[in-house]
Amino acid sequence: MEVKAVARYVRISPQKVRKMAGAIKGKPVEKALATIKFMPQKSAGIVEKILRSAIANADQIADLDIDDLIVGNVIVDNGPMFKRFRARARGRGTRILKRTSHVTVILTEATS
């Protein structure tokens, strides 16, 4: 059985979140939480919050044991970009793209 949690329109670049996603993919839930807790990146806090949400969703299913869950997949997609302009030399302007992310954490049962 799969359980998932989704956070949309998160104000961080998907590239930064994907680095964190690779660190916890395939690990047991408790180990993944322990790994994320001591990482200094902003994306670690975001992924931790989504992971805890997925665990809470799994807790609502009666016949599912939370201790047997592993992080099956972490999907990070591009969200919409905020487009801003910054003044540059000689009267020009350059575009600044403020990126957003859609993050999905999928938990699966460990096969024993």
PDB file of N, CA and C in Angstrom:
ATOM      1  N   MET A   1       0.839  -1.174   0.000  1.00  0.00           N
ATOM      2  CA  MET A   1       0.000   0.000   0.000  1.00  0.00           C
ATOM      3  C   MET A   1       0.885   1.238   0.000  1.00  0.00           C
ATOM      4  N   GLU A   2       0.469   2.232  -0.732  1.00  0.00           N
ATOM      5  CA  GLU A   2       1.210   3.492  -0.817  1.00  0.00           C
ATOM      6  C   GLU A   2       0.458   4.606  -0.111  1.00  0.00           C
ATOM      7  N   VAL A   3       1.202   5.454   0.555  1.00  0.00           N
ATOM      8  CA  VAL A   3       0.649   6.633   1.219  1.00  0.00           C
ATOM      9  C   VAL A   3       1.455   7.816   0.727  1.00  0.00           C
ATOM     10  N   LYS A   4       0.775   8.934   0.445  1.00  0.00           N
ATOM     11  CA  LYS A   4       1.539  10.070  -0.049  1.00  0.00           C
ATOM     12  C   LYS A   4       1.080  11.376   0.578  1.00  0.00           C
ATOM     13  N   ALA A   5       1.961  12.343   0.507  1.00  0.00           N
ATOM     14  CA  ALA A   5       1.667  13.707   0.940  1.00  0.00           C
ATOM     15  C   ALA A   5       2.262  14.641  -0.105  1.00  0.00           C
ATOM     16  N   VAL A   6       1.559  15.733  -0.381  1.00  0.00           N
ATOM     17  CA  VAL A   6       1.978  16.660  -1.431  1.00  0.00           C
ATOM     18  C   VAL A   6       2.029  18.076  -0.875  1.00  0.00           C
ATOM     19  N   ALA A   7       3.084  18.791  -1.214  1.00  0.00           N
ATOM     20  CA  ALA A   7       3.180  20.222  -0.915  1.00  0.00           C
ATOM     21  C   ALA A   7       3.367  20.925  -2.256  1.00  0.00           C
ATOM     22  N   ARG A   8       2.488  21.858  -2.531  1.00  0.00           N
ATOM     23  CA  ARG A   8       2.556  22.555  -3.813  1.00  0.00           C
ATOM     24  C   ARG A   8       2.924  24.017  -3.601  1.00  0.00           C
ATOM     25  N   TYR A   9       3.522  24.595  -4.609  1.00  0.00           N
ATOM     26  CA  TYR A   9       3.905  26.016  -4.632  1.00  0.00           C
ATOM     27  C   TYR A   9       4.889  26.369  -3.508  1.00  0.00           C
ATOM     28  N   VAL A  10       5.824  25.494  -3.231  1.00  0.00           N
ATOM     29  CA  VAL A  10       6.832  25.754  -2.209  1.00  0.00           C
ATOM     30  C   VAL A  10       7.875  26.694  -2.806  1.00  0.00           C
ATOM     31  N   ARG A  11       8.222  27.759  -2.081  1.00  0.00           N
ATOM     32  CA  ARG A  11       9.104  28.795  -2.621  1.00  0.00           C
ATOM     33  C   ARG A  11      10.578  28.435  -2.473  1.00  0.00           C
ATOM     34  N   ILE A  12      10.992  27.409  -3.202  1.00  0.00           N
ATOM     35  CA  ILE A  12      12.402  27.018  -3.249  1.00  0.00           C
ATOM     36  C   ILE A  12      12.622  26.347  -4.597  1.00  0.00           C
ATOM     37  N   SER A  13      13.810  26.460  -5.103  1.00  0.00           N
ATOM     38  CA  SER A  13      14.139  25.886  -6.401  1.00  0.00           C
ATOM     39  C   SER A  13      14.065  24.356  -6.355  1.00  0.00           C
ATOM     40  N   PRO A  14      13.495  23.726  -7.380  1.00  0.00           N
ATOM     41  CA  PRO A  14      13.413  22.260  -7.396  1.00  0.00           C
ATOM     42  C   PRO A  14      14.792  21.592  -7.351  1.00  0.00           C
ATOM     43  N   GLN A  15      15.779  22.244  -7.919  1.00  0.00           N
ATOM     44  CA  GLN A  15      17.127  21.681  -7.938  1.00  0.00           C
ATOM     45  C   GLN A  15      17.662  21.498  -6.518  1.00  0.00           C
ATOM     46  N   LYS A  16      17.350  22.428  -5.636  1.00  0.00           N
ATOM     47  CA  LYS A  16      17.815  22.356  -4.254  1.00  0.00           C
ATOM     48  C   LYS A  16      17.079  21.268  -3.472  1.00  0.00           C
ATOM     49  N   VAL A  17      15.805  21.056  -3.790  1.00  0.00           N
ATOM     50  CA  VAL A  17      15.019  20.044  -3.079  1.00  0.00           C
ATOM     51  C   VAL A  17      15.393  18.640  -3.560  1.00  0.00           C
ATOM     52  N   ARG A  18      15.740  18.512  -4.840  1.00  0.00           N
ATOM     53  CA  ARG A  18      16.098  17.191  -5.379  1.00  0.00           C
ATOM     54  C   ARG A  18      17.337  16.631  -4.704  1.00  0.00           C
ATOM     55  N   LYS A  19      18.246  17.496  -4.297  1.00  0.00           N
ATOM     56  CA  LYS A  19      19.450  17.052  -3.584  1.00  0.00           C
ATOM     57  C   LYS A  19      19.054  16.375  -2.268  1.00  0.00           C
ATOM     58  N   MET A  20      18.073  16.938  -1.598  1.00  0.00           N
ATOM     59  CA  MET A  20      17.580  16.385  -0.341  1.00  0.00           C
ATOM     60  C   MET A  20      16.796  15.099  -0.594  1.00  0.00           C
ATOM     61  N   ALA A  21      16.041  15.066  -1.681  1.00  0.00           N
ATOM     62  CA  ALA A  21      15.226  13.894  -2.002  1.00  0.00           C
ATOM     63  C   ALA A  21      16.103  12.665  -2.207  1.00  0.00           C
ATOM     64  N   GLY A  22      17.241  12.850  -2.848  1.00  0.00           N
ATOM     65  CA  GLY A  22      18.148  11.729  -3.080  1.00  0.00           C
ATOM     66  C   GLY A  22      18.734  11.165  -1.801  1.00  0.00           C
ATOM     67  N   ALA A  23      18.827  12.003  -0.775  1.00  0.00           N
ATOM     68  CA  ALA A  23      19.431  11.571   0.489  1.00  0.00           C
ATOM     69  C   ALA A  23      18.532  10.632   1.284  1.00  0.00           C
ATOM     70  N   ILE A  24      17.207  10.713   1.084  1.00  0.00           N
ATOM     71  CA  ILE A  24      16.312   9.888   1.905  1.00  0.00           C
ATOM     72  C   ILE A  24      15.582   8.805   1.127  1.00  0.00           C
ATOM     73  N   LYS A  25      15.689   8.811  -0.178  1.00  0.00           N
ATOM     74  CA  LYS A  25      14.962   7.837  -0.998  1.00  0.00           C
ATOM     75  C   LYS A  25      15.384   6.410  -0.664  1.00  0.00           C
ATOM     76  N   GLY A  26      14.410   5.548  -0.398  1.00  0.00           N
ATOM     77  CA  GLY A  26      14.679   4.141  -0.125  1.00  0.00           C
ATOM     78  C   GLY A  26      15.006   3.822   1.321  1.00  0.00           C
ATOM     79  N   LYS A  27      15.062   4.820   2.200  1.00  0.00           N
ATOM     80  CA  LYS A  27      15.393   4.579   3.604  1.00  0.00           C
ATOM     81  C   LYS A  27      14.125   4.333   4.415  1.00  0.00           C
ATOM     82  N   PRO A  28      14.245   3.625   5.539  1.00  0.00           N
ATOM     83  CA  PRO A  28      13.107   3.512   6.457  1.00  0.00           C
ATOM     84  C   PRO A  28      12.739   4.899   6.985  1.00  0.00           C
ATOM     85  N   VAL A  29      11.479   5.053   7.358  1.00  0.00           N
ATOM     86  CA  VAL A  29      10.954   6.366   7.737  1.00  0.00           C
ATOM     87  C   VAL A  29      11.728   6.979   8.908  1.00  0.00           C
ATOM     88  N   GLU A  30      11.996   6.199   9.946  1.00  0.00           N
ATOM     89  CA  GLU A  30      12.701   6.738  11.110  1.00  0.00           C
ATOM     90  C   GLU A  30      14.111   7.185  10.762  1.00  0.00           C
ATOM     91  N   LYS A  31      14.782   6.395   9.939  1.00  0.00           N
ATOM     92  CA  LYS A  31      16.142   6.741   9.532  1.00  0.00           C
ATOM     93  C   LYS A  31      16.147   7.980   8.635  1.00  0.00           C
ATOM     94  N   ALA A  32      15.137   8.101   7.791  1.00  0.00           N
ATOM     95  CA  ALA A  32      15.025   9.268   6.916  1.00  0.00           C
ATOM     96  C   ALA A  32      14.813  10.537   7.737  1.00  0.00           C
ATOM     97  N   LEU A  33      13.955  10.459   8.754  1.00  0.00           N
ATOM     98  CA  LEU A  33      13.727  11.613   9.627  1.00  0.00           C
ATOM     99  C   LEU A  33      15.000  11.992  10.381  1.00  0.00           C
ATOM    100  N   ALA A  34      15.729  10.993  10.860  1.00  0.00           N
ATOM    101  CA  ALA A  34      16.971  11.262  11.585  1.00  0.00           C
ATOM    102  C   ALA A  34      18.018  11.882  10.655  1.00  0.00           C
ATOM    103  N   THR A  35      18.059  11.450   9.409  1.00  0.00           N
ATOM    104  CA  THR A  35      19.004  11.991   8.439  1.00  0.00           C
ATOM    105  C   THR A  35      18.707  13.454   8.141  1.00  0.00           C
ATOM    106  N   ILE A  36      17.440  13.757   7.910  1.00  0.00           N
ATOM    107  CA  ILE A  36      17.033  15.115   7.543  1.00  0.00           C
ATOM    108  C   ILE A  36      17.198  16.093   8.701  1.00  0.00           C
ATOM    109  N   LYS A  37      16.951  15.612   9.897  1.00  0.00           N
ATOM    110  CA  LYS A  37      16.932  16.505  11.066  1.00  0.00           C
ATOM    111  C   LYS A  37      18.223  17.300  11.248  1.00  0.00           C
ATOM    112  N   PHE A  38      19.355  16.719  10.891  1.00  0.00           N
ATOM    113  CA  PHE A  38      20.641  17.369  11.133  1.00  0.00           C
ATOM    114  C   PHE A  38      21.258  17.987   9.887  1.00  0.00           C
ATOM    115  N   MET A  39      20.485  18.116   8.827  1.00  0.00           N
ATOM    116  CA  MET A  39      20.986  18.770   7.620  1.00  0.00           C
ATOM    117  C   MET A  39      20.675  20.262   7.689  1.00  0.00           C
ATOM    118  N   PRO A  40      21.628  21.120   7.344  1.00  0.00           N
ATOM    119  CA  PRO A  40      21.449  22.561   7.515  1.00  0.00           C
ATOM    120  C   PRO A  40      20.652  23.252   6.411  1.00  0.00           C
ATOM    121  N   GLN A  41      20.342  22.571   5.316  1.00  0.00           N
ATOM    122  CA  GLN A  41      19.683  23.222   4.190  1.00  0.00           C
ATOM    123  C   GLN A  41      18.228  23.578   4.501  1.00  0.00           C
ATOM    124  N   LYS A  42      17.741  24.610   3.838  1.00  0.00           N
ATOM    125  CA  LYS A  42      16.348  25.024   3.974  1.00  0.00           C
ATOM    126  C   LYS A  42      15.420  23.919   3.468  1.00  0.00           C
ATOM    127  N   SER A  43      15.835  23.240   2.402  1.00  0.00           N
ATOM    128  CA  SER A  43      14.997  22.192   1.826  1.00  0.00           C
ATOM    129  C   SER A  43      14.818  21.011   2.771  1.00  0.00           C
ATOM    130  N   ALA A  44      15.736  20.817   3.713  1.00  0.00           N
ATOM    131  CA  ALA A  44      15.606  19.716   4.678  1.00  0.00           C
ATOM    132  C   ALA A  44      14.384  19.918   5.551  1.00  0.00           C
ATOM    133  N   GLY A  45      14.161  21.144   5.996  1.00  0.00           N
ATOM    134  CA  GLY A  45      12.979  21.427   6.813  1.00  0.00           C
ATOM    135  C   GLY A  45      11.692  21.243   6.041  1.00  0.00           C
ATOM    136  N   ILE A  46      11.701  21.617   4.773  1.00  0.00           N
ATOM    137  CA  ILE A  46      10.512  21.479   3.929  1.00  0.00           C
ATOM    138  C   ILE A  46      10.192  20.010   3.709  1.00  0.00           C
ATOM    139  N   VAL A  47      11.205  19.227   3.352  1.00  0.00           N
ATOM    140  CA  VAL A  47      10.991  17.792   3.100  1.00  0.00           C
ATOM    141  C   VAL A  47      10.597  17.076   4.390  1.00  0.00           C
ATOM    142  N   GLU A  48      11.163  17.494   5.517  1.00  0.00           N
ATOM    143  CA  GLU A  48      10.805  16.878   6.807  1.00  0.00           C
ATOM    144  C   GLU A  48       9.320  17.091   7.117  1.00  0.00           C
ATOM    145  N   LYS A  49       8.838  18.289   6.865  1.00  0.00           N
ATOM    146  CA  LYS A  49       7.439  18.596   7.130  1.00  0.00           C
ATOM    147  C   LYS A  49       6.510  17.746   6.254  1.00  0.00           C
ATOM    148  N   ILE A  50       6.871  17.571   4.992  1.00  0.00           N
ATOM    149  CA  ILE A  50       6.062  16.764   4.083  1.00  0.00           C
ATOM    150  C   ILE A  50       6.124  15.291   4.477  1.00  0.00           C
ATOM    151  N   LEU A  51       7.315  14.822   4.888  1.00  0.00           N
ATOM    152  CA  LEU A  51       7.476  13.435   5.328  1.00  0.00           C
ATOM    153  C   LEU A  51       6.635  13.156   6.569  1.00  0.00           C
ATOM    154  N   ARG A  52       6.633  14.090   7.517  1.00  0.00           N
ATOM    155  CA  ARG A  52       5.800  13.926   8.712  1.00  0.00           C
ATOM    156  C   ARG A  52       4.310  13.919   8.353  1.00  0.00           C
ATOM    157  N   SER A  53       3.934  14.694   7.360  1.00  0.00           N
ATOM    158  CA  SER A  53       2.544  14.693   6.896  1.00  0.00           C
ATOM    159  C   SER A  53       2.166  13.344   6.291  1.00  0.00           C
ATOM    160  N   ALA A  54       3.078  12.762   5.514  1.00  0.00           N
ATOM    161  CA  ALA A  54       2.823  11.442   4.921  1.00  0.00           C
ATOM    162  C   ALA A  54       2.702  10.381   6.011  1.00  0.00           C
ATOM    163  N   ILE A  55       3.519  10.489   7.068  1.00  0.00           N
ATOM    164  CA  ILE A  55       3.439   9.543   8.184  1.00  0.00           C
ATOM    165  C   ILE A  55       2.094   9.689   8.895  1.00  0.00           C
ATOM    166  N   ALA A  56       1.641  10.922   9.066  1.00  0.00           N
ATOM    167  CA  ALA A  56       0.330  11.154   9.695  1.00  0.00           C
ATOM    168  C   ALA A  56      -0.793  10.598   8.836  1.00  0.00           C
ATOM    169  N   ASN A  57      -0.654  10.713   7.516  1.00  0.00           N
ATOM    170  CA  ASN A  57      -1.651  10.130   6.617  1.00  0.00           C
ATOM    171  C   ASN A  57      -1.668   8.612   6.742  1.00  0.00           C
ATOM    172  N   ALA A  58      -0.482   8.006   6.890  1.00  0.00           N
ATOM    173  CA  ALA A  58      -0.398   6.548   7.042  1.00  0.00           C
ATOM    174  C   ALA A  58      -0.992   6.106   8.371  1.00  0.00           C
ATOM    175  N   ASP A  59      -0.896   6.962   9.379  1.00  0.00           N
ATOM    176  CA  ASP A  59      -1.425   6.636  10.702  1.00  0.00           C
ATOM    177  C   ASP A  59      -2.951   6.522  10.675  1.00  0.00           C
ATOM    178  N   GLN A  60      -3.584   7.167   9.721  1.00  0.00           N
ATOM    179  CA  GLN A  60      -5.045   7.119   9.602  1.00  0.00           C
ATOM    180  C   GLN A  60      -5.552   5.800   9.024  1.00  0.00           C
ATOM    181  N   ILE A  61      -4.676   5.026   8.404  1.00  0.00           N
ATOM    182  CA  ILE A  61      -5.050   3.727   7.840  1.00  0.00           C
ATOM    183  C   ILE A  61      -4.865   2.675   8.935  1.00  0.00           C
ATOM    184  N   ALA A  62      -5.939   1.954   9.252  1.00  0.00           N
ATOM    185  CA  ALA A  62      -5.965   1.076  10.429  1.00  0.00           C
ATOM    186  C   ALA A  62      -4.985  -0.096  10.338  1.00  0.00           C
ATOM    187  N   ASP A  63      -4.913  -0.774   9.211  1.00  0.00           N
ATOM    188  CA  ASP A  63      -4.117  -1.996   9.128  1.00  0.00           C
ATOM    189  C   ASP A  63      -2.685  -1.767   8.646  1.00  0.00           C
ATOM    190  N   LEU A  64      -2.203  -0.541   8.742  1.00  0.00           N
ATOM    191  CA  LEU A  64      -0.862  -0.211   8.259  1.00  0.00           C
ATOM    192  C   LEU A  64       0.058   0.075   9.452  1.00  0.00           C
ATOM    193  N   ASP A  65       1.193  -0.629   9.498  1.00  0.00           N
ATOM    194  CA  ASP A  65       2.162  -0.428  10.577  1.00  0.00           C
ATOM    195  C   ASP A  65       3.185   0.621  10.142  1.00  0.00           C
ATOM    196  N   ILE A  66       3.287   1.695  10.887  1.00  0.00           N
ATOM    197  CA  ILE A  66       4.154   2.811  10.518  1.00  0.00           C
ATOM    198  C   ILE A  66       5.632   2.425  10.588  1.00  0.00           C
ATOM    199  N   ASP A  67       5.978   1.505  11.472  1.00  0.00           N
ATOM    200  CA  ASP A  67       7.381   1.101  11.622  1.00  0.00           C
ATOM    201  C   ASP A  67       7.909   0.355  10.410  1.00  0.00           C
ATOM    202  N   ASP A  68       7.013  -0.185   9.582  1.00  0.00           N
ATOM    203  CA  ASP A  68       7.430  -0.943   8.397  1.00  0.00           C
ATOM    204  C   ASP A  68       7.479  -0.102   7.135  1.00  0.00           C
ATOM    205  N   LEU A  69       7.259   1.198   7.238  1.00  0.00           N
ATOM    206  CA  LEU A  69       7.223   2.058   6.056  1.00  0.00           C
ATOM    207  C   LEU A  69       8.622   2.494   5.642  1.00  0.00           C
ATOM    208  N   ILE A  70       8.823   2.592   4.330  1.00  0.00           N
ATOM    209  CA  ILE A  70      10.048   3.159   3.780  1.00  0.00           C
ATOM    210  C   ILE A  70       9.671   4.292   2.839  1.00  0.00           C
ATOM    211  N   VAL A  71      10.608   5.194   2.611  1.00  0.00           N
ATOM    212  CA  VAL A  71      10.382   6.292   1.675  1.00  0.00           C
ATOM    213  C   VAL A  71      10.537   5.714   0.279  1.00  0.00           C
ATOM    214  N   GLY A  72       9.417   5.475  -0.384  1.00  0.00           N
ATOM    215  CA  GLY A  72       9.444   4.856  -1.702  1.00  0.00           C
ATOM    216  C   GLY A  72       9.982   5.786  -2.756  1.00  0.00           C
ATOM    217  N   ASN A  73       9.490   7.017  -2.771  1.00  0.00           N
ATOM    218  CA  ASN A  73       9.905   7.961  -3.798  1.00  0.00           C
ATOM    219  C   ASN A  73       9.645   9.382  -3.306  1.00  0.00           C
ATOM    220  N   VAL A  74      10.461  10.293  -3.771  1.00  0.00           N
ATOM    221  CA  VAL A  74      10.251  11.720  -3.526  1.00  0.00           C
ATOM    222  C   VAL A  74      10.299  12.386  -4.891  1.00  0.00           C
ATOM    223  N   ILE A  75       9.172  12.926  -5.304  1.00  0.00           N
ATOM    224  CA  ILE A  75       9.074  13.540  -6.624  1.00  0.00           C
ATOM    225  C   ILE A  75       9.060  15.054  -6.456  1.00  0.00           C
ATOM    226  N   VAL A  76       9.954  15.720  -7.167  1.00  0.00           N
ATOM    227  CA  VAL A  76      10.038  17.179  -7.105  1.00  0.00           C
ATOM    228  C   VAL A  76       9.838  17.724  -8.518  1.00  0.00           C
ATOM    229  N   ASP A  77       8.730  18.426  -8.711  1.00  0.00           N
ATOM    230  CA  ASP A  77       8.411  19.006 -10.010  1.00  0.00           C
ATOM    231  C   ASP A  77       8.530  20.523  -9.960  1.00  0.00           C
ATOM    232  N   ASN A  78       8.673  21.108 -11.136  1.00  0.00           N
ATOM    233  CA  ASN A  78       8.693  22.567 -11.232  1.00  0.00           C
ATOM    234  C   ASN A  78       7.308  23.120 -11.006  1.00  0.00           C
ATOM    235  N   GLY A  79       7.226  24.195 -10.247  1.00  0.00           N
ATOM    236  CA  GLY A  79       5.992  24.940 -10.111  1.00  0.00           C
ATOM    237  C   GLY A  79       6.079  26.176 -10.994  1.00  0.00           C
ATOM    238  N   PRO A  80       5.120  27.068 -10.880  1.00  0.00           N
ATOM    239  CA  PRO A  80       5.195  28.308 -11.656  1.00  0.00           C
ATOM    240  C   PRO A  80       6.330  29.189 -11.141  1.00  0.00           C
ATOM    241  N   MET A  81       6.847  30.034 -12.034  1.00  0.00           N
ATOM    242  CA  MET A  81       7.945  30.921 -11.667  1.00  0.00           C
ATOM    243  C   MET A  81       7.451  32.354 -11.543  1.00  0.00           C
ATOM    244  N   PHE A  82       7.938  33.046 -10.519  1.00  0.00           N
ATOM    245  CA  PHE A  82       7.694  34.474 -10.411  1.00  0.00           C
ATOM    246  C   PHE A  82       8.746  35.164 -11.267  1.00  0.00           C
ATOM    247  N   LYS A  83       8.311  36.053 -12.130  1.00  0.00           N
ATOM    248  CA  LYS A  83       9.247  36.733 -13.017  1.00  0.00           C
ATOM    249  C   LYS A  83       9.426  38.167 -12.550  1.00  0.00           C
ATOM    250  N   ARG A  84      10.683  38.515 -12.270  1.00  0.00           N
ATOM    251  CA  ARG A  84      11.010  39.845 -11.793  1.00  0.00           C
ATOM    252  C   ARG A  84      12.095  40.435 -12.683  1.00  0.00           C
ATOM    253  N   PHE A  85      12.255  41.743 -12.647  1.00  0.00           N
ATOM    254  CA  PHE A  85      13.304  42.399 -13.413  1.00  0.00           C
ATOM    255  C   PHE A  85      14.207  43.184 -12.487  1.00  0.00           C
ATOM    256  N   ARG A  86      15.483  43.228 -12.856  1.00  0.00           N
ATOM    257  CA  ARG A  86      16.472  43.963 -12.081  1.00  0.00           C
ATOM    258  C   ARG A  86      17.197  44.924 -13.004  1.00  0.00           C
ATOM    259  N   ALA A  87      17.381  46.141 -12.550  1.00  0.00           N
ATOM    260  CA  ALA A  87      18.078  47.143 -13.350  1.00  0.00           C
ATOM    261  C   ALA A  87      19.539  46.752 -13.515  1.00  0.00           C
ATOM    262  N   ARG A  88      20.054  46.934 -14.712  1.00  0.00           N
ATOM    263  CA  ARG A  88      21.459  46.646 -15.012  1.00  0.00           C
ATOM    264  C   ARG A  88      22.087  47.868 -15.677  1.00  0.00           C
ATOM    265  N   ALA A  89      23.310  47.722 -16.077  1.00  0.00           N
ATOM    266  CA  ALA A  89      24.056  48.846 -16.642  1.00  0.00           C
ATOM    267  C   ALA A  89      23.463  49.297 -17.982  1.00  0.00           C
ATOM    268  N   ARG A  90      23.690  50.552 -18.305  1.00  0.00           N
ATOM    269  CA  ARG A  90      23.328  51.158 -19.579  1.00  0.00           C
ATOM    270  C   ARG A  90      21.828  51.106 -19.852  1.00  0.00           C
ATOM    271  N   GLY A  91      21.017  51.220 -18.794  1.00  0.00           N
ATOM    272  CA  GLY A  91      19.571  51.299 -18.969  1.00  0.00           C
ATOM    273  C   GLY A  91      18.885  49.997 -19.301  1.00  0.00           C
ATOM    274  N   ARG A  92      19.578  48.913 -19.135  1.00  0.00           N
ATOM    275  CA  ARG A  92      18.988  47.612 -19.454  1.00  0.00           C
ATOM    276  C   ARG A  92      18.360  47.005 -18.208  1.00  0.00           C
ATOM    277  N   GLY A  93      17.629  45.939 -18.440  1.00  0.00           N
ATOM    278  CA  GLY A  93      17.064  45.173 -17.338  1.00  0.00           C
ATOM    279  C   GLY A  93      17.231  43.699 -17.628  1.00  0.00           C
ATOM    280  N   THR A  94      17.428  42.899 -16.595  1.00  0.00           N
ATOM    281  CA  THR A  94      17.523  41.449 -16.786  1.00  0.00           C
ATOM    282  C   THR A  94      16.443  40.762 -15.971  1.00  0.00           C
ATOM    283  N   ARG A  95      16.056  39.625 -16.458  1.00  0.00           N
ATOM    284  CA  ARG A  95      14.980  38.870 -15.833  1.00  0.00           C
ATOM    285  C   ARG A  95      15.522  38.007 -14.704  1.00  0.00           C
ATOM    286  N   ILE A  96      14.803  37.984 -13.598  1.00  0.00           N
ATOM    287  CA  ILE A  96      15.113  37.099 -12.481  1.00  0.00           C
ATOM    288  C   ILE A  96      13.940  36.143 -12.340  1.00  0.00           C
ATOM    289  N   LEU A  97      14.229  34.841 -12.308  1.00  0.00           N
ATOM    290  CA  LEU A  97      13.193  33.824 -12.171  1.00  0.00           C
ATOM    291  C   LEU A  97      13.218  33.289 -10.748  1.00  0.00           C
ATOM    292  N   LYS A  98      12.155  33.523 -10.020  1.00  0.00           N
ATOM    293  CA  LYS A  98      12.038  32.997  -8.659  1.00  0.00           C
ATOM    294  C   LYS A  98      11.227  31.708  -8.759  1.00  0.00           C
ATOM    295  N   ARG A  99      11.903  30.602  -8.589  1.00  0.00           N
ATOM    296  CA  ARG A  99      11.307  29.298  -8.868  1.00  0.00           C
ATOM    297  C   ARG A  99      10.502  28.754  -7.683  1.00  0.00           C
ATOM    298  N   THR A 100       9.487  27.945  -8.019  1.00  0.00           N
ATOM    299  CA  THR A 100       8.706  27.252  -7.003  1.00  0.00           C
ATOM    300  C   THR A 100       8.713  25.757  -7.313  1.00  0.00           C
ATOM    301  N   SER A 101       8.314  24.953  -6.339  1.00  0.00           N
ATOM    302  CA  SER A 101       8.358  23.496  -6.473  1.00  0.00           C
ATOM    303  C   SER A 101       7.056  22.862  -6.029  1.00  0.00           C
ATOM    304  N   HIS A 102       6.774  21.711  -6.589  1.00  0.00           N
ATOM    305  CA  HIS A 102       5.712  20.836  -6.115  1.00  0.00           C
ATOM    306  C   HIS A 102       6.421  19.565  -5.629  1.00  0.00           C
ATOM    307  N   VAL A 103       6.290  19.251  -4.346  1.00  0.00           N
ATOM    308  CA  VAL A 103       7.010  18.117  -3.752  1.00  0.00           C
ATOM    309  C   VAL A 103       6.005  17.051  -3.322  1.00  0.00           C
ATOM    310  N   THR A 104       6.240  15.808  -3.746  1.00  0.00           N
ATOM    311  CA  THR A 104       5.403  14.669  -3.374  1.00  0.00           C
ATOM    312  C   THR A 104       6.270  13.616  -2.706  1.00  0.00           C
ATOM    313  N   VAL A 105       5.869  13.183  -1.508  1.00  0.00           N
ATOM    314  CA  VAL A 105       6.582  12.109  -0.795  1.00  0.00           C
ATOM    315  C   VAL A 105       5.647  10.897  -0.776  1.00  0.00           C
ATOM    316  N   ILE A 106       6.169   9.762  -1.278  1.00  0.00           N
ATOM    317  CA  ILE A 106       5.389   8.518  -1.326  1.00  0.00           C
ATOM    318  C   ILE A 106       6.042   7.492  -0.411  1.00  0.00           C
ATOM    319  N   LEU A 107       5.255   6.993   0.537  1.00  0.00           N
ATOM    320  CA  LEU A 107       5.731   5.962   1.456  1.00  0.00           C
ATOM    321  C   LEU A 107       5.151   4.620   1.041  1.00  0.00           C
ATOM    322  N   THR A 108       5.948   3.579   1.107  1.00  0.00           N
ATOM    323  CA  THR A 108       5.494   2.230   0.775  1.00  0.00           C
ATOM    324  C   THR A 108       5.853   1.282   1.910  1.00  0.00           C
ATOM    325  N   GLU A 109       5.191   0.144   1.929  1.00  0.00           N
ATOM    326  CA  GLU A 109       5.487  -0.869   2.942  1.00  0.00           C
ATOM    327  C   GLU A 109       6.744  -1.630   2.548  1.00  0.00           C
ATOM    328  N   ALA A 110       7.591  -1.929   3.516  1.00  0.00           N
ATOM    329  CA  ALA A 110       8.798  -2.684   3.265  1.00  0.00           C
ATOM    330  C   ALA A 110       8.428  -4.143   3.028  1.00  0.00           C
ATOM    331  N   THR A 111       8.992  -4.752   2.002  1.00  0.00           N
ATOM    332  CA  THR A 111       8.724  -6.167   1.735  1.00  0.00           C
ATOM    333  C   THR A 111       9.703  -7.007   2.539  1.00  0.00           C
ATOM    334  N   SER A 112       9.156  -7.842   3.424  1.00  0.00           N
ATOM    335  CA  SER A 112      10.000  -8.635   4.322  1.00  0.00           C
ATOM    336  C   SER A 112      10.306  -9.976   3.717  1.00  0.00           C
TER     337      SER A 112
END
